[in-house]
Amino acid sequence: MAVENIKSTQVTNLDASPPVKTSPAESGSRLRVKTASVTVVGDAAATSTYRFFRVRSSDRIVSLRLYNTAMANLTAVDFGLYHINGGAAVTTASGAGSDLYGDGVNLVTIVPAVPPVSATAGDGREMRFADATTAPLTSINNMVWEDINVGGSDVLTADPGLQYDVTATIQAVGGTVGTGTIALRMEYSAP
């Protein structure tokens, strides 16, 4: 076994001579929060979309948490990015960006915002890093445009200065969907 002494990019930059400036979004930026909820009307069909809020391509999503009431038969919901003004899902190398932050999430069981006294849950379900294949931990400092930049027709080599809607899309239902509420809480930093 070897002893390792490894520095993050931020510490390496600070130790450089002369020091290299680190982006404020990565070190010392202010954390911002957006929250929104939507009501799913009973008997919603596959491909129904629910837009929560807008993000800029230069934002860094730190956390995206899901809260929901129990909704019968709502077995597979995707969470991702759509173009604004009713536009389609962004396109990535792995397919539609409609599942960029969550793929086939089951909403049949409640995910409460406030935990019961006897439970430790209640922080919601983390979507940003829920699937290591769509959001590997190495992407922790990614801006939104870098999350998208995994190929496809929306390949980006620099920040395009665009906005996107964070959206839930019903992928599949297992019968008549019950009425309920989906809420998202996004923590992010902006330049």
N, C-alpha and C. Protein backbone atom coordinates (compact mmCIF):
# COMPACT_ATOMS: atom_id res chain seq x y z
N MET A 1 0.83 -1.18 0.00
CA MET A 1 0.00 0.00 0.00
C MET A 1 0.88 1.24 0.00
N ALA A 2 0.45 2.22 -0.75
CA ALA A 2 1.21 3.46 -0.85
C ALA A 2 0.49 4.58 -0.11
N VAL A 3 1.26 5.43 0.53
CA VAL A 3 0.71 6.62 1.18
C VAL A 3 0.50 7.66 0.10
N GLU A 4 -0.69 8.22 0.08
CA GLU A 4 -1.01 9.22 -0.94
C GLU A 4 -1.19 10.59 -0.28
N ASN A 5 -0.76 11.60 -0.95
CA ASN A 5 -0.95 12.98 -0.52
C ASN A 5 -1.49 13.74 -1.74
N ILE A 6 -2.79 13.77 -1.86
CA ILE A 6 -3.43 14.30 -3.05
C ILE A 6 -4.15 15.59 -2.72
N LYS A 7 -4.05 16.55 -3.61
CA LYS A 7 -4.72 17.85 -3.45
C LYS A 7 -5.84 17.98 -4.46
N SER A 8 -6.92 18.62 -4.04
CA SER A 8 -7.98 18.95 -5.00
C SER A 8 -7.45 20.03 -5.93
N THR A 9 -8.18 20.30 -6.99
CA THR A 9 -7.78 21.36 -7.91
C THR A 9 -7.73 22.70 -7.19
N GLN A 10 -8.66 22.93 -6.28
CA GLN A 10 -8.70 24.20 -5.56
C GLN A 10 -7.45 24.41 -4.70
N VAL A 11 -7.05 23.37 -3.97
CA VAL A 11 -5.86 23.48 -3.13
C VAL A 11 -4.61 23.59 -4.00
N THR A 12 -4.55 22.83 -5.09
CA THR A 12 -3.42 22.92 -6.02
C THR A 12 -3.29 24.34 -6.55
N ASN A 13 -4.42 24.95 -6.93
CA ASN A 13 -4.40 26.33 -7.44
C ASN A 13 -3.91 27.31 -6.38
N LEU A 14 -4.33 27.12 -5.14
CA LEU A 14 -3.91 28.01 -4.06
C LEU A 14 -2.42 27.86 -3.75
N ASP A 15 -1.89 26.64 -3.90
CA ASP A 15 -0.48 26.39 -3.61
C ASP A 15 0.45 26.78 -4.75
N ALA A 16 -0.11 27.05 -5.93
CA ALA A 16 0.72 27.41 -7.09
C ALA A 16 1.41 28.74 -6.86
N SER A 17 2.50 28.94 -7.57
CA SER A 17 3.22 30.21 -7.45
C SER A 17 3.36 30.82 -8.84
N PRO A 18 2.66 31.88 -9.15
CA PRO A 18 1.69 32.58 -8.31
C PRO A 18 0.40 31.76 -8.22
N PRO A 19 -0.40 32.02 -7.16
CA PRO A 19 -1.67 31.29 -7.00
C PRO A 19 -2.58 31.48 -8.22
N VAL A 20 -3.29 30.43 -8.56
CA VAL A 20 -4.24 30.46 -9.68
C VAL A 20 -5.63 30.70 -9.10
N LYS A 21 -6.31 31.67 -9.68
CA LYS A 21 -7.64 32.02 -9.18
C LYS A 21 -8.62 30.88 -9.47
N THR A 22 -9.39 30.50 -8.46
CA THR A 22 -10.43 29.48 -8.60
C THR A 22 -11.76 30.18 -8.82
N SER A 23 -12.58 29.61 -9.64
CA SER A 23 -13.90 30.17 -9.92
C SER A 23 -14.69 30.32 -8.61
N PRO A 24 -15.33 31.47 -8.40
CA PRO A 24 -16.15 31.64 -7.19
C PRO A 24 -17.27 30.61 -7.11
N ALA A 25 -17.74 30.12 -8.24
CA ALA A 25 -18.80 29.12 -8.23
C ALA A 25 -18.31 27.81 -7.61
N GLU A 26 -17.00 27.57 -7.63
CA GLU A 26 -16.44 26.35 -7.06
C GLU A 26 -15.94 26.56 -5.64
N SER A 27 -15.63 27.78 -5.29
CA SER A 27 -15.04 28.04 -3.99
C SER A 27 -15.49 29.39 -3.45
N GLY A 28 -16.45 29.36 -2.56
CA GLY A 28 -16.88 30.59 -1.91
C GLY A 28 -18.08 31.27 -2.51
N SER A 29 -18.80 30.60 -3.40
CA SER A 29 -19.99 31.25 -3.98
C SER A 29 -21.16 31.16 -3.00
N ARG A 30 -22.14 31.99 -3.22
CA ARG A 30 -23.34 31.96 -2.39
C ARG A 30 -24.28 30.88 -2.90
N LEU A 31 -24.83 30.15 -1.97
CA LEU A 31 -25.79 29.12 -2.30
C LEU A 31 -27.17 29.75 -2.46
N ARG A 32 -27.83 29.42 -3.54
CA ARG A 32 -29.17 29.93 -3.81
C ARG A 32 -30.13 28.75 -3.84
N VAL A 33 -31.41 29.04 -3.65
CA VAL A 33 -32.41 27.98 -3.59
C VAL A 33 -33.61 28.35 -4.44
N LYS A 34 -34.13 27.37 -5.17
CA LYS A 34 -35.40 27.50 -5.87
C LYS A 34 -36.27 26.33 -5.44
N THR A 35 -37.54 26.60 -5.20
CA THR A 35 -38.48 25.54 -4.87
C THR A 35 -39.73 25.73 -5.71
N ALA A 36 -40.36 24.63 -6.06
CA ALA A 36 -41.62 24.69 -6.80
C ALA A 36 -42.34 23.37 -6.63
N SER A 37 -43.65 23.42 -6.78
CA SER A 37 -44.44 22.19 -6.74
C SER A 37 -45.48 22.23 -7.84
N VAL A 38 -45.90 21.05 -8.26
CA VAL A 38 -46.95 20.92 -9.27
C VAL A 38 -47.93 19.86 -8.78
N THR A 39 -49.16 19.97 -9.25
CA THR A 39 -50.17 18.97 -8.92
C THR A 39 -50.38 18.08 -10.13
N VAL A 40 -50.28 16.79 -9.89
CA VAL A 40 -50.56 15.80 -10.93
C VAL A 40 -52.04 15.47 -10.80
N VAL A 41 -52.78 15.74 -11.86
CA VAL A 41 -54.21 15.46 -11.84
C VAL A 41 -54.41 13.98 -12.13
N GLY A 42 -55.32 13.36 -11.43
CA GLY A 42 -55.57 11.93 -11.62
C GLY A 42 -55.73 11.57 -13.07
N ASP A 43 -55.31 10.37 -13.43
CA ASP A 43 -55.40 9.83 -14.78
C ASP A 43 -54.44 10.50 -15.76
N ALA A 44 -53.30 10.99 -15.26
CA ALA A 44 -52.27 11.54 -16.15
C ALA A 44 -51.70 10.42 -17.01
N ALA A 45 -51.33 10.76 -18.22
CA ALA A 45 -50.83 9.76 -19.18
C ALA A 45 -49.32 9.88 -19.35
N ALA A 46 -48.73 8.84 -19.91
CA ALA A 46 -47.31 8.85 -20.24
C ALA A 46 -47.03 10.01 -21.19
N THR A 47 -45.87 10.58 -21.08
CA THR A 47 -45.34 11.74 -21.80
C THR A 47 -45.88 13.07 -21.28
N SER A 48 -46.74 13.05 -20.23
CA SER A 48 -47.15 14.31 -19.60
C SER A 48 -45.92 14.96 -18.99
N THR A 49 -45.82 16.29 -19.08
CA THR A 49 -44.67 17.01 -18.53
C THR A 49 -45.11 18.02 -17.48
N TYR A 50 -44.22 18.26 -16.52
CA TYR A 50 -44.46 19.19 -15.43
C TYR A 50 -43.20 20.02 -15.25
N ARG A 51 -43.29 21.30 -15.59
CA ARG A 51 -42.11 22.19 -15.54
C ARG A 51 -42.10 22.92 -14.20
N PHE A 52 -40.94 22.88 -13.54
CA PHE A 52 -40.83 23.42 -12.19
C PHE A 52 -40.24 24.82 -12.15
N PHE A 53 -39.04 25.00 -12.68
CA PHE A 53 -38.39 26.30 -12.67
C PHE A 53 -37.31 26.32 -13.73
N ARG A 54 -36.78 27.53 -13.95
CA ARG A 54 -35.73 27.70 -14.97
C ARG A 54 -34.36 27.74 -14.31
N VAL A 55 -33.40 27.22 -15.06
CA VAL A 55 -31.99 27.32 -14.66
C VAL A 55 -31.24 27.91 -15.84
N ARG A 56 -30.18 28.62 -15.53
CA ARG A 56 -29.31 29.13 -16.59
C ARG A 56 -28.23 28.10 -16.88
N SER A 57 -27.74 28.13 -18.08
CA SER A 57 -26.70 27.18 -18.47
C SER A 57 -25.42 27.36 -17.64
N SER A 58 -25.24 28.54 -17.06
CA SER A 58 -24.05 28.81 -16.25
C SER A 58 -24.24 28.48 -14.77
N ASP A 59 -25.43 28.07 -14.36
CA ASP A 59 -25.67 27.69 -12.97
C ASP A 59 -24.97 26.37 -12.66
N ARG A 60 -24.62 26.18 -11.39
CA ARG A 60 -24.09 24.90 -10.92
C ARG A 60 -25.10 24.32 -9.94
N ILE A 61 -25.75 23.23 -10.32
CA ILE A 61 -26.72 22.59 -9.43
C ILE A 61 -25.95 21.79 -8.40
N VAL A 62 -26.12 22.17 -7.15
CA VAL A 62 -25.45 21.50 -6.03
C VAL A 62 -26.29 20.33 -5.56
N SER A 63 -27.60 20.54 -5.50
CA SER A 63 -28.50 19.50 -5.02
C SER A 63 -29.86 19.70 -5.68
N LEU A 64 -30.50 18.61 -6.03
CA LEU A 64 -31.85 18.64 -6.58
C LEU A 64 -32.63 17.58 -5.82
N ARG A 65 -33.51 18.03 -4.93
CA ARG A 65 -34.23 17.11 -4.05
C ARG A 65 -35.70 17.02 -4.44
N LEU A 66 -36.19 15.81 -4.42
CA LEU A 66 -37.56 15.49 -4.77
C LEU A 66 -38.37 15.17 -3.52
N TYR A 67 -39.57 15.72 -3.46
CA TYR A 67 -40.55 15.40 -2.43
C TYR A 67 -41.85 15.10 -3.16
N ASN A 68 -42.62 14.14 -2.68
CA ASN A 68 -43.89 13.86 -3.34
C ASN A 68 -44.87 13.19 -2.39
N THR A 69 -46.16 13.38 -2.70
CA THR A 69 -47.18 12.61 -2.03
C THR A 69 -47.25 11.27 -2.74
N ALA A 70 -47.87 10.30 -2.10
CA ALA A 70 -48.01 8.99 -2.74
C ALA A 70 -49.03 9.10 -3.87
N MET A 71 -48.66 8.63 -5.05
CA MET A 71 -49.57 8.68 -6.21
C MET A 71 -49.68 7.29 -6.82
N ALA A 72 -50.88 6.76 -6.73
CA ALA A 72 -51.13 5.41 -7.23
C ALA A 72 -50.69 5.27 -8.68
N ASN A 73 -49.98 4.19 -8.96
CA ASN A 73 -49.60 3.77 -10.32
C ASN A 73 -48.62 4.68 -11.04
N LEU A 74 -48.05 5.66 -10.36
CA LEU A 74 -47.07 6.54 -11.02
C LEU A 74 -45.69 5.91 -10.80
N THR A 75 -45.36 4.96 -11.66
CA THR A 75 -44.22 4.08 -11.44
C THR A 75 -42.92 4.51 -12.08
N ALA A 76 -42.96 5.43 -13.05
CA ALA A 76 -41.71 5.81 -13.72
C ALA A 76 -41.80 7.26 -14.22
N VAL A 77 -41.06 8.14 -13.53
CA VAL A 77 -41.03 9.56 -13.89
C VAL A 77 -39.57 9.96 -14.09
N ASP A 78 -39.31 10.68 -15.17
CA ASP A 78 -37.97 11.19 -15.46
C ASP A 78 -37.86 12.64 -15.01
N PHE A 79 -36.66 13.05 -14.62
CA PHE A 79 -36.39 14.44 -14.24
C PHE A 79 -35.20 14.93 -15.03
N GLY A 80 -35.38 16.02 -15.76
CA GLY A 80 -34.30 16.52 -16.60
C GLY A 80 -34.55 17.92 -17.09
N LEU A 81 -33.96 18.23 -18.23
CA LEU A 81 -33.99 19.59 -18.77
C LEU A 81 -34.71 19.65 -20.12
N TYR A 82 -35.54 20.67 -20.26
CA TYR A 82 -36.24 20.95 -21.52
C TYR A 82 -35.89 22.36 -21.96
N HIS A 83 -35.96 22.58 -23.25
CA HIS A 83 -35.81 23.94 -23.77
C HIS A 83 -37.02 24.75 -23.31
N ILE A 84 -36.84 26.05 -23.10
CA ILE A 84 -37.90 26.89 -22.56
C ILE A 84 -39.01 27.14 -23.59
N ASN A 85 -40.07 27.78 -23.12
CA ASN A 85 -41.22 28.14 -23.95
C ASN A 85 -41.87 26.93 -24.63
N GLY A 86 -42.02 25.87 -23.85
CA GLY A 86 -42.69 24.68 -24.37
C GLY A 86 -41.84 23.80 -25.25
N GLY A 87 -40.53 24.06 -25.28
CA GLY A 87 -39.62 23.29 -26.13
C GLY A 87 -39.45 21.85 -25.68
N ALA A 88 -38.81 21.08 -26.52
CA ALA A 88 -38.57 19.65 -26.28
C ALA A 88 -37.40 19.47 -25.30
N ALA A 89 -37.23 18.23 -24.88
CA ALA A 89 -36.12 17.89 -24.00
C ALA A 89 -34.80 18.13 -24.72
N VAL A 90 -33.77 18.54 -23.96
CA VAL A 90 -32.45 18.65 -24.54
C VAL A 90 -32.01 17.26 -24.96
N THR A 91 -31.04 17.17 -25.87
CA THR A 91 -30.57 15.88 -26.36
C THR A 91 -29.14 15.65 -25.88
N THR A 92 -28.89 14.47 -25.36
CA THR A 92 -27.55 14.09 -24.92
C THR A 92 -27.14 12.81 -25.64
N ALA A 93 -25.91 12.39 -25.45
CA ALA A 93 -25.43 11.17 -26.11
C ALA A 93 -26.21 9.95 -25.66
N SER A 94 -26.70 9.99 -24.42
CA SER A 94 -27.44 8.84 -23.91
C SER A 94 -28.92 8.91 -24.28
N GLY A 95 -29.30 9.91 -25.05
CA GLY A 95 -30.70 10.03 -25.46
C GLY A 95 -31.27 11.36 -25.02
N ALA A 96 -32.54 11.36 -24.71
CA ALA A 96 -33.22 12.59 -24.31
C ALA A 96 -32.73 13.04 -22.94
N GLY A 97 -32.55 14.33 -22.81
CA GLY A 97 -32.14 14.91 -21.53
C GLY A 97 -33.29 15.00 -20.55
N SER A 98 -34.42 14.41 -20.92
CA SER A 98 -35.56 14.40 -20.00
C SER A 98 -35.25 13.58 -18.75
N ASP A 99 -34.24 12.72 -18.81
CA ASP A 99 -33.88 11.91 -17.64
C ASP A 99 -32.47 12.23 -17.14
N LEU A 100 -32.01 13.44 -17.40
CA LEU A 100 -30.64 13.82 -17.03
C LEU A 100 -30.40 13.72 -15.53
N TYR A 101 -31.41 14.04 -14.71
CA TYR A 101 -31.23 14.03 -13.26
C TYR A 101 -32.00 12.92 -12.55
N GLY A 102 -32.84 12.21 -13.24
CA GLY A 102 -33.57 11.10 -12.64
C GLY A 102 -34.25 10.29 -13.73
N ASP A 103 -34.07 8.99 -13.70
CA ASP A 103 -34.59 8.12 -14.75
C ASP A 103 -35.51 7.07 -14.15
N GLY A 104 -36.79 7.12 -14.52
CA GLY A 104 -37.75 6.10 -14.08
C GLY A 104 -38.00 6.09 -12.59
N VAL A 105 -38.10 7.26 -11.98
CA VAL A 105 -38.30 7.37 -10.53
C VAL A 105 -39.74 6.98 -10.18
N ASN A 106 -39.88 6.10 -9.21
CA ASN A 106 -41.18 5.62 -8.77
C ASN A 106 -41.76 6.59 -7.73
N LEU A 107 -42.97 7.11 -7.99
CA LEU A 107 -43.61 8.07 -7.07
C LEU A 107 -44.82 7.47 -6.38
N VAL A 108 -44.90 6.14 -6.34
CA VAL A 108 -46.02 5.48 -5.69
C VAL A 108 -45.95 5.68 -4.18
N THR A 109 -44.74 5.75 -3.63
CA THR A 109 -44.54 5.91 -2.19
C THR A 109 -44.23 7.36 -1.87
N ILE A 110 -44.74 7.82 -0.76
CA ILE A 110 -44.52 9.21 -0.33
C ILE A 110 -43.05 9.46 0.01
N VAL A 111 -42.56 10.62 -0.34
CA VAL A 111 -41.25 11.11 0.11
C VAL A 111 -41.55 12.44 0.79
N PRO A 112 -41.64 12.42 2.13
CA PRO A 112 -42.09 13.62 2.84
C PRO A 112 -41.03 14.69 2.96
N ALA A 113 -41.48 15.93 3.10
CA ALA A 113 -40.58 17.05 3.32
C ALA A 113 -40.16 17.12 4.78
N VAL A 114 -41.03 16.68 5.67
CA VAL A 114 -40.73 16.68 7.10
C VAL A 114 -40.81 15.24 7.58
N PRO A 115 -39.77 14.75 8.24
CA PRO A 115 -39.77 13.35 8.64
C PRO A 115 -40.74 13.08 9.78
N PRO A 116 -41.30 11.87 9.84
CA PRO A 116 -42.04 11.48 11.03
C PRO A 116 -41.07 11.46 12.21
N VAL A 117 -41.59 11.60 13.41
CA VAL A 117 -40.74 11.68 14.60
C VAL A 117 -39.81 10.48 14.72
N SER A 118 -40.29 9.30 14.33
CA SER A 118 -39.49 8.09 14.50
C SER A 118 -38.57 7.79 13.32
N ALA A 119 -38.60 8.59 12.28
CA ALA A 119 -37.80 8.27 11.09
C ALA A 119 -36.66 9.27 10.92
N THR A 120 -35.64 8.83 10.20
CA THR A 120 -34.54 9.74 9.91
C THR A 120 -34.67 10.32 8.51
N ALA A 121 -35.60 9.77 7.70
CA ALA A 121 -35.82 10.30 6.36
C ALA A 121 -36.56 11.63 6.44
N GLY A 122 -36.69 12.30 5.35
CA GLY A 122 -37.41 13.56 5.32
C GLY A 122 -36.63 14.63 4.62
N ASP A 123 -35.42 14.30 4.19
CA ASP A 123 -34.62 15.26 3.45
C ASP A 123 -34.93 15.20 1.97
N GLY A 124 -35.94 14.45 1.60
CA GLY A 124 -36.25 14.29 0.20
C GLY A 124 -35.33 13.27 -0.44
N ARG A 125 -35.53 13.06 -1.71
CA ARG A 125 -34.74 12.10 -2.48
C ARG A 125 -33.79 12.90 -3.36
N GLU A 126 -32.49 12.70 -3.19
CA GLU A 126 -31.49 13.43 -3.98
C GLU A 126 -31.51 12.93 -5.42
N MET A 127 -31.67 13.87 -6.36
CA MET A 127 -31.74 13.51 -7.77
C MET A 127 -30.43 13.81 -8.49
N ARG A 128 -29.70 14.82 -8.07
CA ARG A 128 -28.50 15.28 -8.80
C ARG A 128 -27.46 14.17 -8.97
N PHE A 129 -27.24 13.40 -7.94
CA PHE A 129 -26.23 12.34 -8.01
C PHE A 129 -26.83 10.97 -7.74
N ALA A 130 -28.12 10.83 -8.04
CA ALA A 130 -28.79 9.56 -7.77
C ALA A 130 -28.30 8.45 -8.68
N ASP A 131 -27.92 8.78 -9.90
CA ASP A 131 -27.48 7.79 -10.87
C ASP A 131 -26.06 8.14 -11.32
N ALA A 132 -25.10 7.35 -10.87
CA ALA A 132 -23.69 7.66 -11.16
C ALA A 132 -23.36 7.61 -12.64
N THR A 133 -24.22 7.00 -13.46
CA THR A 133 -23.93 6.97 -14.89
C THR A 133 -24.33 8.28 -15.56
N THR A 134 -25.35 8.97 -15.03
CA THR A 134 -25.75 10.24 -15.63
C THR A 134 -25.14 11.43 -14.92
N ALA A 135 -24.73 11.26 -13.70
CA ALA A 135 -24.10 12.36 -12.95
C ALA A 135 -22.99 11.79 -12.08
N PRO A 136 -21.86 11.42 -12.68
CA PRO A 136 -20.77 10.88 -11.88
C PRO A 136 -20.25 11.93 -10.89
N LEU A 137 -19.70 11.48 -9.80
CA LEU A 137 -19.23 12.41 -8.77
C LEU A 137 -18.19 13.38 -9.30
N THR A 138 -17.49 13.00 -10.36
CA THR A 138 -16.51 13.92 -10.95
C THR A 138 -17.19 15.13 -11.58
N SER A 139 -18.51 15.09 -11.73
CA SER A 139 -19.24 16.22 -12.31
C SER A 139 -19.75 17.19 -11.25
N ILE A 140 -19.27 17.07 -10.02
CA ILE A 140 -19.78 17.88 -8.92
C ILE A 140 -19.63 19.38 -9.18
N ASN A 141 -18.62 19.79 -9.93
CA ASN A 141 -18.43 21.22 -10.22
C ASN A 141 -19.00 21.64 -11.57
N ASN A 142 -19.70 20.73 -12.24
CA ASN A 142 -20.24 21.05 -13.56
C ASN A 142 -21.27 22.17 -13.52
N MET A 143 -21.22 23.00 -14.54
CA MET A 143 -22.31 23.92 -14.78
C MET A 143 -23.38 23.14 -15.55
N VAL A 144 -24.57 23.67 -15.63
CA VAL A 144 -25.66 22.98 -16.31
C VAL A 144 -25.27 22.62 -17.75
N TRP A 145 -24.63 23.53 -18.46
CA TRP A 145 -24.25 23.22 -19.85
C TRP A 145 -23.27 22.07 -19.91
N GLU A 146 -22.45 21.89 -18.87
CA GLU A 146 -21.52 20.77 -18.84
C GLU A 146 -22.24 19.46 -18.52
N ASP A 147 -23.33 19.53 -17.73
CA ASP A 147 -24.15 18.33 -17.51
C ASP A 147 -24.74 17.85 -18.82
N ILE A 148 -25.17 18.79 -19.65
CA ILE A 148 -25.76 18.45 -20.95
C ILE A 148 -24.70 17.94 -21.91
N ASN A 149 -23.49 18.46 -21.79
CA ASN A 149 -22.44 18.22 -22.77
C ASN A 149 -21.88 16.81 -22.70
N VAL A 150 -22.73 15.86 -23.00
CA VAL A 150 -22.27 14.48 -23.08
C VAL A 150 -22.55 13.90 -24.46
N GLY A 151 -22.74 14.77 -25.43
CA GLY A 151 -22.97 14.34 -26.80
C GLY A 151 -24.38 14.67 -27.26
N GLY A 152 -24.74 14.18 -28.43
CA GLY A 152 -26.08 14.42 -28.97
C GLY A 152 -26.13 15.72 -29.75
N SER A 153 -27.34 16.14 -30.11
CA SER A 153 -27.48 17.33 -30.95
C SER A 153 -27.25 18.63 -30.20
N ASP A 154 -27.26 18.59 -28.87
CA ASP A 154 -27.03 19.80 -28.08
C ASP A 154 -25.60 19.85 -27.55
N VAL A 155 -24.64 19.24 -28.26
CA VAL A 155 -23.25 19.23 -27.81
C VAL A 155 -22.78 20.67 -27.67
N LEU A 156 -22.21 20.97 -26.53
CA LEU A 156 -21.78 22.33 -26.23
C LEU A 156 -20.30 22.33 -25.91
N THR A 157 -19.57 23.28 -26.47
CA THR A 157 -18.15 23.41 -26.18
C THR A 157 -17.89 24.59 -25.27
N ALA A 158 -18.91 25.39 -25.03
CA ALA A 158 -18.82 26.55 -24.13
C ALA A 158 -20.22 26.88 -23.65
N ASP A 159 -20.29 27.69 -22.64
CA ASP A 159 -21.58 28.11 -22.10
C ASP A 159 -22.35 28.89 -23.17
N PRO A 160 -23.55 28.39 -23.56
CA PRO A 160 -24.30 29.08 -24.60
C PRO A 160 -25.13 30.26 -24.09
N GLY A 161 -25.17 30.46 -22.77
CA GLY A 161 -25.95 31.55 -22.22
C GLY A 161 -27.45 31.34 -22.36
N LEU A 162 -27.90 30.11 -22.25
CA LEU A 162 -29.32 29.78 -22.41
C LEU A 162 -29.96 29.46 -21.07
N GLN A 163 -31.28 29.37 -21.09
CA GLN A 163 -32.04 28.91 -19.93
C GLN A 163 -32.74 27.60 -20.32
N TYR A 164 -32.98 26.77 -19.31
CA TYR A 164 -33.68 25.50 -19.50
C TYR A 164 -34.71 25.35 -18.39
N ASP A 165 -35.76 24.59 -18.67
CA ASP A 165 -36.76 24.27 -17.65
C ASP A 165 -36.41 22.93 -17.01
N VAL A 166 -36.37 22.89 -15.67
CA VAL A 166 -36.24 21.63 -14.95
C VAL A 166 -37.63 21.01 -14.97
N THR A 167 -37.72 19.81 -15.52
CA THR A 167 -39.02 19.23 -15.87
C THR A 167 -39.11 17.77 -15.45
N ALA A 168 -40.31 17.36 -15.02
CA ALA A 168 -40.62 15.96 -14.78
C ALA A 168 -41.46 15.47 -15.95
N THR A 169 -41.16 14.27 -16.43
CA THR A 169 -41.90 13.67 -17.54
C THR A 169 -42.36 12.28 -17.12
N ILE A 170 -43.64 12.02 -17.26
CA ILE A 170 -44.12 10.68 -16.95
C ILE A 170 -43.65 9.74 -18.05
N GLN A 171 -42.91 8.73 -17.64
CA GLN A 171 -42.37 7.75 -18.59
C GLN A 171 -43.36 6.60 -18.77
N ALA A 172 -43.90 6.13 -17.65
CA ALA A 172 -44.83 5.00 -17.71
C ALA A 172 -45.75 5.05 -16.50
N VAL A 173 -46.94 4.53 -16.68
CA VAL A 173 -47.90 4.43 -15.58
C VAL A 173 -48.36 2.99 -15.50
N GLY A 174 -48.69 2.56 -14.30
CA GLY A 174 -49.12 1.18 -14.09
C GLY A 174 -50.62 1.06 -13.91
N GLY A 175 -51.38 2.00 -14.43
CA GLY A 175 -52.84 2.02 -14.26
C GLY A 175 -53.29 3.46 -14.12
N THR A 176 -54.47 3.68 -13.59
CA THR A 176 -54.97 5.03 -13.40
C THR A 176 -54.15 5.74 -12.33
N VAL A 177 -53.58 6.89 -12.68
CA VAL A 177 -52.72 7.64 -11.77
C VAL A 177 -53.58 8.42 -10.78
N GLY A 178 -53.18 8.37 -9.52
CA GLY A 178 -53.88 9.14 -8.51
C GLY A 178 -53.40 10.57 -8.48
N THR A 179 -54.26 11.48 -8.01
CA THR A 179 -53.89 12.88 -7.87
C THR A 179 -52.85 13.02 -6.77
N GLY A 180 -51.90 13.93 -6.95
CA GLY A 180 -50.89 14.16 -5.93
C GLY A 180 -50.02 15.35 -6.26
N THR A 181 -49.01 15.55 -5.45
CA THR A 181 -48.12 16.70 -5.60
C THR A 181 -46.68 16.24 -5.71
N ILE A 182 -45.96 16.87 -6.64
CA ILE A 182 -44.51 16.68 -6.77
C ILE A 182 -43.87 18.02 -6.48
N ALA A 183 -42.86 18.03 -5.62
CA ALA A 183 -42.13 19.26 -5.31
C ALA A 183 -40.64 19.02 -5.50
N LEU A 184 -39.95 20.06 -5.99
CA LEU A 184 -38.51 20.01 -6.14
C LEU A 184 -37.89 21.17 -5.38
N ARG A 185 -36.73 20.91 -4.80
CA ARG A 185 -35.94 21.95 -4.13
C ARG A 185 -34.54 21.88 -4.72
N MET A 186 -34.13 22.96 -5.39
CA MET A 186 -32.83 22.98 -6.02
C MET A 186 -31.93 23.97 -5.30
N GLU A 187 -30.77 23.51 -4.89
CA GLU A 187 -29.72 24.38 -4.37
C GLU A 187 -28.70 24.54 -5.49
N TYR A 188 -28.30 25.78 -5.74
CA TYR A 188 -27.40 26.03 -6.85
C TYR A 188 -26.57 27.27 -6.57
N SER A 189 -25.51 27.40 -7.33
CA SER A 189 -24.73 28.63 -7.28
C SER A 189 -24.73 29.21 -8.69
N ALA A 190 -24.65 30.51 -8.75
CA ALA A 190 -24.66 31.20 -10.03
C ALA A 190 -23.49 32.16 -10.08
N PRO A 191 -22.90 32.35 -11.27
CA PRO A 191 -21.75 33.26 -11.37
C PRO A 191 -22.16 34.70 -11.13
